[in-house]
Amino acid sequence: MRPICSLSIALALAVTAATAQAEPRTVTLDVQGMYCAVCPLTVSRALKKVPGVIEAKASYPDKSATVTYDDAKTRIDELVKATAGAGYPSAPRSSK
């Protein structure tokens, strides 16, 4: 096998291994602008459109959204931007 082929294979395996080790993250966003029972649907839909979001659940009574996401594909500020773009400004409450 040529040295370049060996290097390419080793690099591909390293990238695959690094990707496989990524763990989902969860953040809870405060979404104080929700004022009715339909608002969480809009917030959840906006969050689910963000690449890397695995799951998004919004709660009207709690005025919050809990989002599970791949931190290799998105960041919390992108989630906040998505809710704001849907008309519901948010801020991170806590993350794990």
C-alpha atoms as a PDB file:
ATOM      1  CA  MET A   1       0.000   0.000   0.000  1.00  0.00           C
ATOM      2  CA  ARG A   2       1.275   3.477  -0.808  1.00  0.00           C
ATOM      3  CA  PRO A   3       2.083   5.797   2.081  1.00  0.00           C
ATOM      4  CA  ILE A   4      -0.499   8.363   0.909  1.00  0.00           C
ATOM      5  CA  CYS A   5      -3.233   5.716   0.874  1.00  0.00           C
ATOM      6  CA  SER A   6      -2.299   4.622   4.392  1.00  0.00           C
ATOM      7  CA  LEU A   7      -2.366   8.230   5.583  1.00  0.00           C
ATOM      8  CA  SER A   8      -5.767   8.815   3.968  1.00  0.00           C
ATOM      9  CA  ILE A   9      -7.226   5.719   5.611  1.00  0.00           C
ATOM     10  CA  ALA A  10      -5.788   6.664   9.007  1.00  0.00           C
ATOM     11  CA  LEU A  11      -7.185  10.197   8.692  1.00  0.00           C
ATOM     12  CA  ALA A  12     -10.625   8.890   7.716  1.00  0.00           C
ATOM     13  CA  LEU A  13     -10.650   6.542  10.714  1.00  0.00           C
ATOM     14  CA  ALA A  14      -9.606   9.353  13.057  1.00  0.00           C
ATOM     15  CA  VAL A  15     -12.406  11.623  11.799  1.00  0.00           C
ATOM     16  CA  THR A  16     -14.949   8.806  12.128  1.00  0.00           C
ATOM     17  CA  ALA A  17     -13.802   8.030  15.672  1.00  0.00           C
ATOM     18  CA  ALA A  18     -13.992  11.696  16.694  1.00  0.00           C
ATOM     19  CA  THR A  19     -17.506  12.022  15.277  1.00  0.00           C
ATOM     20  CA  ALA A  20     -18.675   8.859  17.015  1.00  0.00           C
ATOM     21  CA  GLN A  21     -17.561  10.243  20.397  1.00  0.00           C
ATOM     22  CA  ALA A  22     -19.696  13.396  20.158  1.00  0.00           C
ATOM     23  CA  GLU A  23     -22.416  13.396  22.802  1.00  0.00           C
ATOM     24  CA  PRO A  24     -25.726  15.212  22.571  1.00  0.00           C
ATOM     25  CA  ARG A  25     -26.105  18.273  24.789  1.00  0.00           C
ATOM     26  CA  THR A  26     -29.265  19.575  26.386  1.00  0.00           C
ATOM     27  CA  VAL A  27     -30.116  23.182  27.162  1.00  0.00           C
ATOM     28  CA  THR A  28     -33.219  24.776  28.630  1.00  0.00           C
ATOM     29  CA  LEU A  29     -34.125  28.148  27.189  1.00  0.00           C
ATOM     30  CA  ASP A  30     -36.285  30.697  29.001  1.00  0.00           C
ATOM     31  CA  VAL A  31     -38.915  31.845  26.490  1.00  0.00           C
ATOM     32  CA  GLN A  32     -40.897  34.459  28.405  1.00  0.00           C
ATOM     33  CA  GLY A  33     -42.801  35.762  25.353  1.00  0.00           C
ATOM     34  CA  MET A  34     -45.098  32.758  25.042  1.00  0.00           C
ATOM     35  CA  TYR A  35     -48.630  33.932  25.819  1.00  0.00           C
ATOM     36  CA  CYS A  36     -50.908  31.100  24.663  1.00  0.00           C
ATOM     37  CA  ALA A  37     -51.022  27.327  24.309  1.00  0.00           C
ATOM     38  CA  VAL A  38     -50.153  27.507  20.581  1.00  0.00           C
ATOM     39  CA  CYS A  39     -46.886  29.437  21.088  1.00  0.00           C
ATOM     40  CA  PRO A  40     -44.865  26.320  22.044  1.00  0.00           C
ATOM     41  CA  LEU A  41     -45.650  24.790  18.640  1.00  0.00           C
ATOM     42  CA  THR A  42     -44.084  27.758  16.880  1.00  0.00           C
ATOM     43  CA  VAL A  43     -41.047  27.712  19.165  1.00  0.00           C
ATOM     44  CA  SER A  44     -40.543  23.949  18.755  1.00  0.00           C
ATOM     45  CA  ARG A  45     -40.842  24.149  14.963  1.00  0.00           C
ATOM     46  CA  ALA A  46     -38.305  26.973  14.786  1.00  0.00           C
ATOM     47  CA  LEU A  47     -35.834  25.029  16.916  1.00  0.00           C
ATOM     48  CA  LYS A  48     -36.276  21.799  14.948  1.00  0.00           C
ATOM     49  CA  LYS A  49     -35.247  23.631  11.759  1.00  0.00           C
ATOM     50  CA  VAL A  50     -31.784  24.311  13.203  1.00  0.00           C
ATOM     51  CA  PRO A  51     -29.270  21.785  11.831  1.00  0.00           C
ATOM     52  CA  GLY A  52     -28.047  19.569  14.656  1.00  0.00           C
ATOM     53  CA  VAL A  53     -31.205  19.755  16.773  1.00  0.00           C
ATOM     54  CA  ILE A  54     -32.196  16.256  17.837  1.00  0.00           C
ATOM     55  CA  GLU A  55     -35.281  17.127  19.887  1.00  0.00           C
ATOM     56  CA  ALA A  56     -37.072  20.303  20.940  1.00  0.00           C
ATOM     57  CA  LYS A  57     -39.968  20.586  23.386  1.00  0.00           C
ATOM     58  CA  ALA A  58     -41.472  23.893  24.440  1.00  0.00           C
ATOM     59  CA  SER A  59     -43.730  24.397  27.440  1.00  0.00           C
ATOM     60  CA  TYR A  60     -46.215  27.246  27.766  1.00  0.00           C
ATOM     61  CA  PRO A  61     -46.765  26.861  31.543  1.00  0.00           C
ATOM     62  CA  ASP A  62     -42.996  26.825  32.198  1.00  0.00           C
ATOM     63  CA  LYS A  63     -42.242  29.498  29.567  1.00  0.00           C
ATOM     64  CA  SER A  64     -39.311  27.360  28.453  1.00  0.00           C
ATOM     65  CA  ALA A  65     -37.962  25.128  25.715  1.00  0.00           C
ATOM     66  CA  THR A  66     -35.737  22.112  26.278  1.00  0.00           C
ATOM     67  CA  VAL A  67     -33.494  21.316  23.347  1.00  0.00           C
ATOM     68  CA  THR A  68     -31.247  18.327  22.757  1.00  0.00           C
ATOM     69  CA  TYR A  69     -28.661  19.067  20.082  1.00  0.00           C
ATOM     70  CA  ASP A  70     -25.371  17.953  18.566  1.00  0.00           C
ATOM     71  CA  ASP A  71     -22.818  20.535  19.661  1.00  0.00           C
ATOM     72  CA  ALA A  72     -20.616  19.658  16.698  1.00  0.00           C
ATOM     73  CA  LYS A  73     -23.367  20.961  14.389  1.00  0.00           C
ATOM     74  CA  THR A  74     -24.882  23.903  16.270  1.00  0.00           C
ATOM     75  CA  ARG A  75     -24.411  26.201  19.238  1.00  0.00           C
ATOM     76  CA  ILE A  76     -26.713  27.650  21.857  1.00  0.00           C
ATOM     77  CA  ASP A  77     -26.572  31.077  20.236  1.00  0.00           C
ATOM     78  CA  GLU A  78     -28.018  29.526  17.050  1.00  0.00           C
ATOM     79  CA  LEU A  79     -30.914  28.122  19.082  1.00  0.00           C
ATOM     80  CA  VAL A  80     -31.537  31.527  20.658  1.00  0.00           C
ATOM     81  CA  LYS A  81     -31.390  33.107  17.203  1.00  0.00           C
ATOM     82  CA  ALA A  82     -33.981  30.616  15.904  1.00  0.00           C
ATOM     83  CA  THR A  83     -36.509  31.404  18.638  1.00  0.00           C
ATOM     84  CA  ALA A  84     -35.962  35.140  18.209  1.00  0.00           C
ATOM     85  CA  GLY A  85     -36.467  34.766  14.460  1.00  0.00           C
ATOM     86  CA  ALA A  86     -39.830  33.130  15.180  1.00  0.00           C
ATOM     87  CA  GLY A  87     -40.817  36.087  17.374  1.00  0.00           C
ATOM     88  CA  TYR A  88     -39.918  34.560  20.734  1.00  0.00           C
ATOM     89  CA  PRO A  89     -36.688  35.911  22.241  1.00  0.00           C
ATOM     90  CA  SER A  90     -35.016  33.435  24.581  1.00  0.00           C
ATOM     91  CA  ALA A  91     -31.997  33.015  26.812  1.00  0.00           C
ATOM     92  CA  PRO A  92     -30.252  29.911  28.145  1.00  0.00           C
ATOM     93  CA  ARG A  93     -31.391  28.851  31.594  1.00  0.00           C
ATOM     94  CA  SER A  94     -29.029  25.949  32.130  1.00  0.00           C
ATOM     95  CA  SER A  95     -27.098  23.374  30.111  1.00  0.00           C
ATOM     96  CA  LYS A  96     -25.741  19.875  30.682  1.00  0.00           C
END
